[in-house]
């Protein structure tokens, strides 16, 4: 599939749900409390955090394809990132690669 085909098929991209406090993380990035394939899980987390007074919002994210080598490449980035405590990398929600 061409790059234009990938962009054209945006409505078919996987969706993930995030609960974030915008610009509240390191280097003014969003602080992510929850990232899930499940809308219900994200909404449950959102409600609990809002009741506790956190200024969070729910975001729906369409996930475009990653390079076929993304798992190894992301691991390399994690190893070089001073903000990462070095725990085992979890599965990437919405992670997929463009088919050949």
PDB file of N, CA and C in Angstrom:
ATOM      1  N   UNK A   1       0.853  -1.174   0.000  1.00  0.00           N
ATOM      2  CA  UNK A   1       0.000   0.000   0.000  1.00  0.00           C
ATOM      3  C   UNK A   1       0.898   1.236   0.000  1.00  0.00           C
ATOM      4  N   UNK A   2       0.581   2.199  -0.820  1.00  0.00           N
ATOM      5  CA  UNK A   2       1.365   3.421  -0.882  1.00  0.00           C
ATOM      6  C   UNK A   2       1.104   4.271   0.357  1.00  0.00           C
ATOM      7  N   UNK A   3       1.984   5.229   0.603  1.00  0.00           N
ATOM      8  CA  UNK A   3       1.793   6.134   1.736  1.00  0.00           C
ATOM      9  C   UNK A   3       0.486   6.898   1.597  1.00  0.00           C
ATOM     10  N   UNK A   4       0.124   7.285   0.358  1.00  0.00           N
ATOM     11  CA  UNK A   4      -1.146   7.974   0.149  1.00  0.00           C
ATOM     12  C   UNK A   4      -2.305   7.068   0.531  1.00  0.00           C
ATOM     13  N   UNK A   5      -2.203   5.770   0.228  1.00  0.00           N
ATOM     14  CA  UNK A   5      -3.251   4.810   0.575  1.00  0.00           C
ATOM     15  C   UNK A   5      -3.416   4.666   2.075  1.00  0.00           C
ATOM     16  N   UNK A   6      -2.292   4.708   2.792  1.00  0.00           N
ATOM     17  CA  UNK A   6      -2.341   4.603   4.254  1.00  0.00           C
ATOM     18  C   UNK A   6      -3.073   5.804   4.833  1.00  0.00           C
ATOM     19  N   UNK A   7      -2.732   7.001   4.371  1.00  0.00           N
ATOM     20  CA  UNK A   7      -3.389   8.215   4.860  1.00  0.00           C
ATOM     21  C   UNK A   7      -4.857   8.222   4.452  1.00  0.00           C
ATOM     22  N   UNK A   8      -5.154   7.769   3.254  1.00  0.00           N
ATOM     23  CA  UNK A   8      -6.531   7.764   2.764  1.00  0.00           C
ATOM     24  C   UNK A   8      -7.411   6.829   3.587  1.00  0.00           C
ATOM     25  N   UNK A   9      -6.825   5.816   4.193  1.00  0.00           N
ATOM     26  CA  UNK A   9      -7.607   4.848   4.963  1.00  0.00           C
ATOM     27  C   UNK A   9      -7.656   5.197   6.450  1.00  0.00           C
ATOM     28  N   UNK A  10      -7.528   6.466   6.768  1.00  0.00           N
ATOM     29  CA  UNK A  10      -7.497   6.930   8.154  1.00  0.00           C
ATOM     30  C   UNK A  10      -8.647   6.364   8.992  1.00  0.00           C
ATOM     31  N   UNK A  11      -9.828   6.260   8.431  1.00  0.00           N
ATOM     32  CA  UNK A  11     -10.980   5.768   9.196  1.00  0.00           C
ATOM     33  C   UNK A  11     -10.816   4.303   9.613  1.00  0.00           C
ATOM     34  N   UNK A  12      -9.856   3.602   9.023  1.00  0.00           N
ATOM     35  CA  UNK A  12      -9.619   2.199   9.370  1.00  0.00           C
ATOM     36  C   UNK A  12      -8.502   2.036  10.394  1.00  0.00           C
ATOM     37  N   UNK A  13      -7.859   3.139  10.766  1.00  0.00           N
ATOM     38  CA  UNK A  13      -6.771   3.049  11.731  1.00  0.00           C
ATOM     39  C   UNK A  13      -7.318   2.652  13.097  1.00  0.00           C
ATOM     40  N   UNK A  14      -6.555   1.875  13.869  1.00  0.00           N
ATOM     41  CA  UNK A  14      -6.989   1.522  15.226  1.00  0.00           C
ATOM     42  C   UNK A  14      -7.156   2.768  16.088  1.00  0.00           C
ATOM     43  N   UNK A  15      -8.062   2.688  17.040  1.00  0.00           N
ATOM     44  CA  UNK A  15      -8.311   3.783  17.977  1.00  0.00           C
ATOM     45  C   UNK A  15      -7.872   3.352  19.365  1.00  0.00           C
ATOM     46  N   UNK A  16      -7.186   4.269  20.058  1.00  0.00           N
ATOM     47  CA  UNK A  16      -6.919   4.066  21.479  1.00  0.00           C
ATOM     48  C   UNK A  16      -7.481   5.258  22.229  1.00  0.00           C
ATOM     49  N   UNK A  17      -7.677   5.090  23.514  1.00  0.00           N
ATOM     50  CA  UNK A  17      -8.244   6.121  24.386  1.00  0.00           C
ATOM     51  C   UNK A  17      -7.198   6.486  25.419  1.00  0.00           C
ATOM     52  N   UNK A  18      -7.017   7.779  25.645  1.00  0.00           N
ATOM     53  CA  UNK A  18      -6.050   8.262  26.619  1.00  0.00           C
ATOM     54  C   UNK A  18      -6.736   9.205  27.595  1.00  0.00           C
ATOM     55  N   UNK A  19      -6.333   9.130  28.844  1.00  0.00           N
ATOM     56  CA  UNK A  19      -6.761  10.097  29.857  1.00  0.00           C
ATOM     57  C   UNK A  19      -5.503  10.875  30.201  1.00  0.00           C
ATOM     58  N   UNK A  20      -5.533  12.187  29.951  1.00  0.00           N
ATOM     59  CA  UNK A  20      -4.336  13.002  30.122  1.00  0.00           C
ATOM     60  C   UNK A  20      -4.602  14.287  30.898  1.00  0.00           C
ATOM     61  N   UNK A  21      -3.547  14.799  31.493  1.00  0.00           N
ATOM     62  CA  UNK A  21      -3.511  16.160  32.024  1.00  0.00           C
ATOM     63  C   UNK A  21      -2.611  16.912  31.043  1.00  0.00           C
ATOM     64  N   UNK A  22      -3.192  17.733  30.167  1.00  0.00           N
ATOM     65  CA  UNK A  22      -2.412  18.387  29.113  1.00  0.00           C
ATOM     66  C   UNK A  22      -1.288  19.261  29.658  1.00  0.00           C
ATOM     67  N   UNK A  23      -0.121  19.120  29.063  1.00  0.00           N
ATOM     68  CA  UNK A  23       1.066  19.931  29.376  1.00  0.00           C
ATOM     69  C   UNK A  23       1.505  19.837  30.833  1.00  0.00           C
ATOM     70  N   UNK A  24       1.129  18.779  31.539  1.00  0.00           N
ATOM     71  CA  UNK A  24       1.471  18.647  32.959  1.00  0.00           C
ATOM     72  C   UNK A  24       2.647  17.701  33.210  1.00  0.00           C
ATOM     73  N   UNK A  25       3.193  17.111  32.162  1.00  0.00           N
ATOM     74  CA  UNK A  25       4.295  16.175  32.322  1.00  0.00           C
ATOM     75  C   UNK A  25       5.649  16.825  32.117  1.00  0.00           C
ATOM     76  N   UNK A  26       6.669  16.003  32.049  1.00  0.00           N
ATOM     77  CA  UNK A  26       8.023  16.496  31.832  1.00  0.00           C
ATOM     78  C   UNK A  26       8.128  17.223  30.497  1.00  0.00           C
ATOM     79  N   UNK A  27       8.900  18.286  30.497  1.00  0.00           N
ATOM     80  CA  UNK A  27       9.131  19.091  29.290  1.00  0.00           C
ATOM     81  C   UNK A  27       7.833  19.569  28.648  1.00  0.00           C
ATOM     82  N   UNK A  28       6.844  19.877  29.464  1.00  0.00           N
ATOM     83  CA  UNK A  28       5.555  20.401  29.009  1.00  0.00           C
ATOM     84  C   UNK A  28       4.753  19.427  28.150  1.00  0.00           C
ATOM     85  N   UNK A  29       5.090  18.168  28.192  1.00  0.00           N
ATOM     86  CA  UNK A  29       4.310  17.157  27.470  1.00  0.00           C
ATOM     87  C   UNK A  29       3.116  16.758  28.319  1.00  0.00           C
ATOM     88  N   UNK A  30       2.158  16.079  27.703  1.00  0.00           N
ATOM     89  CA  UNK A  30       0.991  15.630  28.445  1.00  0.00           C
ATOM     90  C   UNK A  30       1.374  14.558  29.455  1.00  0.00           C
ATOM     91  N   UNK A  31       0.717  14.577  30.603  1.00  0.00           N
ATOM     92  CA  UNK A  31       0.875  13.529  31.603  1.00  0.00           C
ATOM     93  C   UNK A  31      -0.225  12.505  31.322  1.00  0.00           C
ATOM     94  N   UNK A  32       0.161  11.294  30.996  1.00  0.00           N
ATOM     95  CA  UNK A  32      -0.802  10.265  30.619  1.00  0.00           C
ATOM     96  C   UNK A  32      -1.092   9.372  31.826  1.00  0.00           C
ATOM     97  N   UNK A  33      -2.359   9.331  32.220  1.00  0.00           N
ATOM     98  CA  UNK A  33      -2.788   8.495  33.342  1.00  0.00           C
ATOM     99  C   UNK A  33      -3.242   7.119  32.871  1.00  0.00           C
ATOM    100  N   UNK A  34      -3.824   7.075  31.682  1.00  0.00           N
ATOM    101  CA  UNK A  34      -4.381   5.830  31.168  1.00  0.00           C
ATOM    102  C   UNK A  34      -4.287   5.853  29.649  1.00  0.00           C
ATOM    103  N   UNK A  35      -3.925   4.726  29.076  1.00  0.00           N
ATOM    104  CA  UNK A  35      -3.901   4.565  27.626  1.00  0.00           C
ATOM    105  C   UNK A  35      -4.413   3.160  27.361  1.00  0.00           C
ATOM    106  N   UNK A  36      -5.519   3.045  26.637  1.00  0.00           N
ATOM    107  CA  UNK A  36      -6.179   1.757  26.521  1.00  0.00           C
ATOM    108  C   UNK A  36      -6.894   1.606  25.187  1.00  0.00           C
ATOM    109  N   UNK A  37      -7.032   0.362  24.761  1.00  0.00           N
ATOM    110  CA  UNK A  37      -7.874   0.052  23.603  1.00  0.00           C
ATOM    111  C   UNK A  37      -9.346   0.133  23.987  1.00  0.00           C
ATOM    112  N   UNK A  38      -9.634   0.158  25.277  1.00  0.00           N
ATOM    113  CA  UNK A  38     -11.000   0.117  25.785  1.00  0.00           C
ATOM    114  C   UNK A  38     -11.525   1.510  26.148  1.00  0.00           C
ATOM    115  N   UNK A  39     -12.552   1.933  25.466  1.00  0.00           N
ATOM    116  CA  UNK A  39     -13.201   3.219  25.768  1.00  0.00           C
ATOM    117  C   UNK A  39     -13.751   3.208  27.191  1.00  0.00           C
ATOM    118  N   UNK A  40     -14.365   2.101  27.575  1.00  0.00           N
ATOM    119  CA  UNK A  40     -14.968   1.988  28.899  1.00  0.00           C
ATOM    120  C   UNK A  40     -13.920   2.108  30.004  1.00  0.00           C
ATOM    121  N   UNK A  41     -12.773   1.466  29.811  1.00  0.00           N
ATOM    122  CA  UNK A  41     -11.702   1.551  30.808  1.00  0.00           C
ATOM    123  C   UNK A  41     -11.225   3.003  30.949  1.00  0.00           C
ATOM    124  N   UNK A  42     -11.055   3.682  29.824  1.00  0.00           N
ATOM    125  CA  UNK A  42     -10.609   5.080  29.863  1.00  0.00           C
ATOM    126  C   UNK A  42     -11.634   5.972  30.552  1.00  0.00           C
ATOM    127  N   UNK A  43     -12.909   5.771  30.261  1.00  0.00           N
ATOM    128  CA  UNK A  43     -13.950   6.592  30.889  1.00  0.00           C
ATOM    129  C   UNK A  43     -14.047   6.331  32.389  1.00  0.00           C
ATOM    130  N   UNK A  44     -13.858   5.093  32.794  1.00  0.00           N
ATOM    131  CA  UNK A  44     -13.867   4.760  34.224  1.00  0.00           C
ATOM    132  C   UNK A  44     -12.714   5.476  34.927  1.00  0.00           C
ATOM    133  N   UNK A  45     -11.535   5.432  34.323  1.00  0.00           N
ATOM    134  CA  UNK A  45     -10.368   6.118  34.889  1.00  0.00           C
ATOM    135  C   UNK A  45     -10.597   7.628  34.916  1.00  0.00           C
ATOM    136  N   UNK A  46     -11.142   8.165  33.845  1.00  0.00           N
ATOM    137  CA  UNK A  46     -11.442   9.601  33.747  1.00  0.00           C
ATOM    138  C   UNK A  46     -12.371  10.050  34.875  1.00  0.00           C
ATOM    139  N   UNK A  47     -13.461   9.321  35.071  1.00  0.00           N
ATOM    140  CA  UNK A  47     -14.430   9.690  36.122  1.00  0.00           C
ATOM    141  C   UNK A  47     -13.786   9.665  37.505  1.00  0.00           C
ATOM    142  N   UNK A  48     -12.996   8.621  37.758  1.00  0.00           N
ATOM    143  CA  UNK A  48     -12.346   8.502  39.072  1.00  0.00           C
ATOM    144  C   UNK A  48     -11.363   9.656  39.297  1.00  0.00           C
ATOM    145  N   UNK A  49     -10.598   9.978  38.284  1.00  0.00           N
ATOM    146  CA  UNK A  49      -9.630  11.066  38.419  1.00  0.00           C
ATOM    147  C   UNK A  49     -10.307  12.421  38.579  1.00  0.00           C
ATOM    148  N   UNK A  50     -11.387  12.650  37.844  1.00  0.00           N
ATOM    149  CA  UNK A  50     -12.107  13.921  37.971  1.00  0.00           C
ATOM    150  C   UNK A  50     -12.728  14.059  39.356  1.00  0.00           C
ATOM    151  N   UNK A  51     -13.279  12.952  39.890  1.00  0.00           N
ATOM    152  CA  UNK A  51     -13.839  12.992  41.241  1.00  0.00           C
ATOM    153  C   UNK A  51     -12.760  13.328  42.268  1.00  0.00           C
ATOM    154  N   UNK A  52     -11.526  12.911  41.982  1.00  0.00           N
ATOM    155  CA  UNK A  52     -10.407  13.179  42.892  1.00  0.00           C
ATOM    156  C   UNK A  52      -9.800  14.570  42.667  1.00  0.00           C
ATOM    157  N   UNK A  53     -10.347  15.321  41.715  1.00  0.00           N
ATOM    158  CA  UNK A  53      -9.896  16.689  41.505  1.00  0.00           C
ATOM    159  C   UNK A  53      -8.808  16.879  40.455  1.00  0.00           C
ATOM    160  N   UNK A  54      -8.457  15.839  39.733  1.00  0.00           N
ATOM    161  CA  UNK A  54      -7.427  15.973  38.705  1.00  0.00           C
ATOM    162  C   UNK A  54      -7.994  16.666  37.466  1.00  0.00           C
ATOM    163  N   UNK A  55      -7.258  17.597  36.856  1.00  0.00           N
ATOM    164  CA  UNK A  55      -7.716  18.290  35.646  1.00  0.00           C
ATOM    165  C   UNK A  55      -7.376  17.471  34.394  1.00  0.00           C
ATOM    166  N   UNK A  56      -8.113  16.398  34.188  1.00  0.00           N
ATOM    167  CA  UNK A  56      -7.828  15.488  33.076  1.00  0.00           C
ATOM    168  C   UNK A  56      -8.912  15.554  32.009  1.00  0.00           C
ATOM    169  N   UNK A  57      -8.546  15.039  30.841  1.00  0.00           N
ATOM    170  CA  UNK A  57      -9.514  14.904  29.755  1.00  0.00           C
ATOM    171  C   UNK A  57      -9.325  13.550  29.095  1.00  0.00           C
ATOM    172  N   UNK A  58     -10.331  13.147  28.314  1.00  0.00           N
ATOM    173  CA  UNK A  58     -10.260  11.899  27.554  1.00  0.00           C
ATOM    174  C   UNK A  58      -9.942  12.261  26.111  1.00  0.00           C
ATOM    175  N   UNK A  59      -9.027  11.523  25.521  1.00  0.00           N
ATOM    176  CA  UNK A  59      -8.661  11.739  24.130  1.00  0.00           C
ATOM    177  C   UNK A  59      -8.851  10.455  23.337  1.00  0.00           C
ATOM    178  N   UNK A  60      -9.399  10.597  22.150  1.00  0.00           N
ATOM    179  CA  UNK A  60      -9.507   9.484  21.212  1.00  0.00           C
ATOM    180  C   UNK A  60      -8.388   9.675  20.195  1.00  0.00           C
ATOM    181  N   UNK A  61      -7.532   8.668  20.057  1.00  0.00           N
ATOM    182  CA  UNK A  61      -6.376   8.780  19.182  1.00  0.00           C
ATOM    183  C   UNK A  61      -6.463   7.727  18.087  1.00  0.00           C
ATOM    184  N   UNK A  62      -6.372   8.161  16.843  1.00  0.00           N
ATOM    185  CA  UNK A  62      -6.283   7.229  15.710  1.00  0.00           C
ATOM    186  C   UNK A  62      -4.807   6.934  15.487  1.00  0.00           C
ATOM    187  N   UNK A  63      -4.463   5.664  15.469  1.00  0.00           N
ATOM    188  CA  UNK A  63      -3.060   5.256  15.433  1.00  0.00           C
ATOM    189  C   UNK A  63      -2.642   4.814  14.044  1.00  0.00           C
ATOM    190  N   UNK A  64      -1.811   5.625  13.414  1.00  0.00           N
ATOM    191  CA  UNK A  64      -1.262   5.273  12.108  1.00  0.00           C
ATOM    192  C   UNK A  64      -0.230   4.172  12.240  1.00  0.00           C
ATOM    193  N   UNK A  65       0.202   3.639  11.110  1.00  0.00           N
ATOM    194  CA  UNK A  65       1.157   2.518  11.148  1.00  0.00           C
ATOM    195  C   UNK A  65       2.533   2.953  11.625  1.00  0.00           C
ATOM    196  N   UNK A  66       3.209   2.024  12.245  1.00  0.00           N
ATOM    197  CA  UNK A  66       4.594   2.205  12.675  1.00  0.00           C
ATOM    198  C   UNK A  66       5.489   1.414  11.720  1.00  0.00           C
ATOM    199  N   UNK A  67       6.781   1.743  11.656  1.00  0.00           N
ATOM    200  CA  UNK A  67       7.687   0.954  10.814  1.00  0.00           C
ATOM    201  C   UNK A  67       7.693  -0.502  11.276  1.00  0.00           C
ATOM    202  N   UNK A  68       7.967  -1.406  10.372  1.00  0.00           N
ATOM    203  CA  UNK A  68       7.965  -2.836  10.712  1.00  0.00           C
ATOM    204  C   UNK A  68       8.922  -3.160  11.855  1.00  0.00           C
ATOM    205  N   UNK A  69       9.967  -2.377  12.017  1.00  0.00           N
ATOM    206  CA  UNK A  69      10.969  -2.613  13.059  1.00  0.00           C
ATOM    207  C   UNK A  69      10.687  -1.810  14.324  1.00  0.00           C
ATOM    208  N   UNK A  70       9.441  -1.356  14.505  1.00  0.00           N
ATOM    209  CA  UNK A  70       9.154  -0.421  15.595  1.00  0.00           C
ATOM    210  C   UNK A  70       9.467  -0.949  16.988  1.00  0.00           C
ATOM    211  N   UNK A  71       9.281  -2.229  17.246  1.00  0.00           N
ATOM    212  CA  UNK A  71       9.521  -2.746  18.602  1.00  0.00           C
ATOM    213  C   UNK A  71      10.978  -2.541  18.989  1.00  0.00           C
ATOM    214  N   UNK A  72      11.891  -2.952  18.121  1.00  0.00           N
ATOM    215  CA  UNK A  72      13.316  -2.784  18.427  1.00  0.00           C
ATOM    216  C   UNK A  72      13.710  -1.319  18.471  1.00  0.00           C
ATOM    217  N   UNK A  73      13.181  -0.513  17.563  1.00  0.00           N
ATOM    218  CA  UNK A  73      13.521   0.907  17.527  1.00  0.00           C
ATOM    219  C   UNK A  73      13.004   1.634  18.781  1.00  0.00           C
ATOM    220  N   UNK A  74      11.787   1.311  19.212  1.00  0.00           N
ATOM    221  CA  UNK A  74      11.260   1.929  20.429  1.00  0.00           C
ATOM    222  C   UNK A  74      12.090   1.524  21.649  1.00  0.00           C
ATOM    223  N   UNK A  75      12.541   0.280  21.685  1.00  0.00           N
ATOM    224  CA  UNK A  75      13.388  -0.169  22.798  1.00  0.00           C
ATOM    225  C   UNK A  75      14.685   0.631  22.849  1.00  0.00           C
ATOM    226  N   UNK A  76      15.273   0.914  21.677  1.00  0.00           N
ATOM    227  CA  UNK A  76      16.501   1.713  21.630  1.00  0.00           C
ATOM    228  C   UNK A  76      16.248   3.122  22.160  1.00  0.00           C
ATOM    229  N   UNK A  77      15.127   3.719  21.768  1.00  0.00           N
ATOM    230  CA  UNK A  77      14.793   5.062  22.243  1.00  0.00           C
ATOM    231  C   UNK A  77      14.616   5.052  23.752  1.00  0.00           C
ATOM    232  N   UNK A  78      13.924   4.032  24.271  1.00  0.00           N
ATOM    233  CA  UNK A  78      13.711   3.927  25.717  1.00  0.00           C
ATOM    234  C   UNK A  78      15.031   3.840  26.466  1.00  0.00           C
ATOM    235  N   UNK A  79      15.972   3.066  25.930  1.00  0.00           N
ATOM    236  CA  UNK A  79      17.277   2.901  26.583  1.00  0.00           C
ATOM    237  C   UNK A  79      18.045   4.213  26.663  1.00  0.00           C
ATOM    238  N   UNK A  80      17.861   5.090  25.666  1.00  0.00           N
ATOM    239  CA  UNK A  80      18.586   6.366  25.631  1.00  0.00           C
ATOM    240  C   UNK A  80      17.845   7.479  26.358  1.00  0.00           C
ATOM    241  N   UNK A  81      16.605   7.242  26.759  1.00  0.00           N
ATOM    242  CA  UNK A  81      15.776   8.294  27.349  1.00  0.00           C
ATOM    243  C   UNK A  81      16.035   8.388  28.851  1.00  0.00           C
ATOM    244  N   UNK A  82      16.555   9.531  29.262  1.00  0.00           N
ATOM    245  CA  UNK A  82      16.889   9.721  30.687  1.00  0.00           C
ATOM    246  C   UNK A  82      15.661   9.720  31.590  1.00  0.00           C
ATOM    247  N   UNK A  83      14.472   9.939  31.030  1.00  0.00           N
ATOM    248  CA  UNK A  83      13.248   9.974  31.836  1.00  0.00           C
ATOM    249  C   UNK A  83      12.657   8.587  32.052  1.00  0.00           C
ATOM    250  N   UNK A  84      13.188   7.580  31.381  1.00  0.00           N
ATOM    251  CA  UNK A  84      12.637   6.237  31.462  1.00  0.00           C
ATOM    252  C   UNK A  84      13.370   5.441  32.535  1.00  0.00           C
ATOM    253  N   UNK A  85      12.652   4.908  33.522  1.00  0.00           N
ATOM    254  CA  UNK A  85      13.322   4.138  34.575  1.00  0.00           C
ATOM    255  C   UNK A  85      13.814   2.766  34.114  1.00  0.00           C
ATOM    256  N   UNK A  86      13.509   2.383  32.871  1.00  0.00           N
ATOM    257  CA  UNK A  86      14.060   1.143  32.344  1.00  0.00           C
ATOM    258  C   UNK A  86      13.246  -0.111  32.610  1.00  0.00           C
ATOM    259  N   UNK A  87      11.960   0.031  32.920  1.00  0.00           N
ATOM    260  CA  UNK A  87      11.130  -1.152  33.111  1.00  0.00           C
ATOM    261  C   UNK A  87      10.885  -1.828  31.766  1.00  0.00           C
ATOM    262  N   UNK A  88      10.352  -3.016  31.801  1.00  0.00           N
ATOM    263  CA  UNK A  88      10.075  -3.761  30.579  1.00  0.00           C
ATOM    264  C   UNK A  88       9.034  -3.024  29.738  1.00  0.00           C
ATOM    265  N   UNK A  89       9.305  -2.921  28.448  1.00  0.00           N
ATOM    266  CA  UNK A  89       8.394  -2.221  27.558  1.00  0.00           C
ATOM    267  C   UNK A  89       7.099  -3.008  27.400  1.00  0.00           C
ATOM    268  N   UNK A  90       5.978  -2.321  27.596  1.00  0.00           N
ATOM    269  CA  UNK A  90       4.672  -2.958  27.445  1.00  0.00           C
ATOM    270  C   UNK A  90       4.286  -3.018  25.972  1.00  0.00           C
ATOM    271  N   UNK A  91       3.239  -3.728  25.666  1.00  0.00           N
ATOM    272  CA  UNK A  91       2.712  -3.753  24.310  1.00  0.00           C
ATOM    273  C   UNK A  91       2.204  -2.351  23.973  1.00  0.00           C
ATOM    274  N   UNK A  92       2.407  -1.924  22.746  1.00  0.00           N
ATOM    275  CA  UNK A  92       1.993  -0.583  22.327  1.00  0.00           C
ATOM    276  C   UNK A  92       0.533  -0.641  21.882  1.00  0.00           C
ATOM    277  N   UNK A  93      -0.371   0.048  22.593  1.00  0.00           N
ATOM    278  CA  UNK A  93      -1.779   0.049  22.170  1.00  0.00           C
ATOM    279  C   UNK A  93      -1.920   0.638  20.771  1.00  0.00           C
ATOM    280  N   UNK A  94      -2.720   0.000  19.942  1.00  0.00           N
ATOM    281  CA  UNK A  94      -2.924   0.493  18.593  1.00  0.00           C
ATOM    282  C   UNK A  94      -1.729   0.296  17.684  1.00  0.00           C
ATOM    283  N   UNK A  95      -0.739  -0.464  18.123  1.00  0.00           N
ATOM    284  CA  UNK A  95       0.460  -0.675  17.311  1.00  0.00           C
ATOM    285  C   UNK A  95       0.192  -1.595  16.138  1.00  0.00           C
ATOM    286  N   UNK A  96       0.521  -1.142  14.965  1.00  0.00           N
ATOM    287  CA  UNK A  96       0.393  -1.973  13.760  1.00  0.00           C
ATOM    288  C   UNK A  96       1.347  -1.444  12.709  1.00  0.00           C
ATOM    289  N   UNK A  97       1.628  -2.265  11.707  1.00  0.00           N
ATOM    290  CA  UNK A  97       2.497  -1.847  10.623  1.00  0.00           C
ATOM    291  C   UNK A  97       1.740  -1.939   9.305  1.00  0.00           C
ATOM    292  N   UNK A  98       2.172  -1.158   8.370  1.00  0.00           N
ATOM    293  CA  UNK A  98       1.584  -1.172   7.039  1.00  0.00           C
ATOM    294  C   UNK A  98       1.887  -2.503   6.393  1.00  0.00           C
ATOM    295  N   UNK A  99       0.900  -3.156   5.794  1.00  0.00           N
ATOM    296  CA  UNK A  99       1.133  -4.436   5.128  1.00  0.00           C
ATOM    297  C   UNK A  99       1.881  -4.196   3.821  1.00  0.00           C
ATOM    298  N   UNK A 100       2.668  -5.178   3.437  1.00  0.00           N
ATOM    299  CA  UNK A 100       3.481  -5.036   2.217  1.00  0.00           C
ATOM    300  C   UNK A 100       2.636  -5.081   0.964  1.00  0.00           C
TER     301      UNK A 100
END
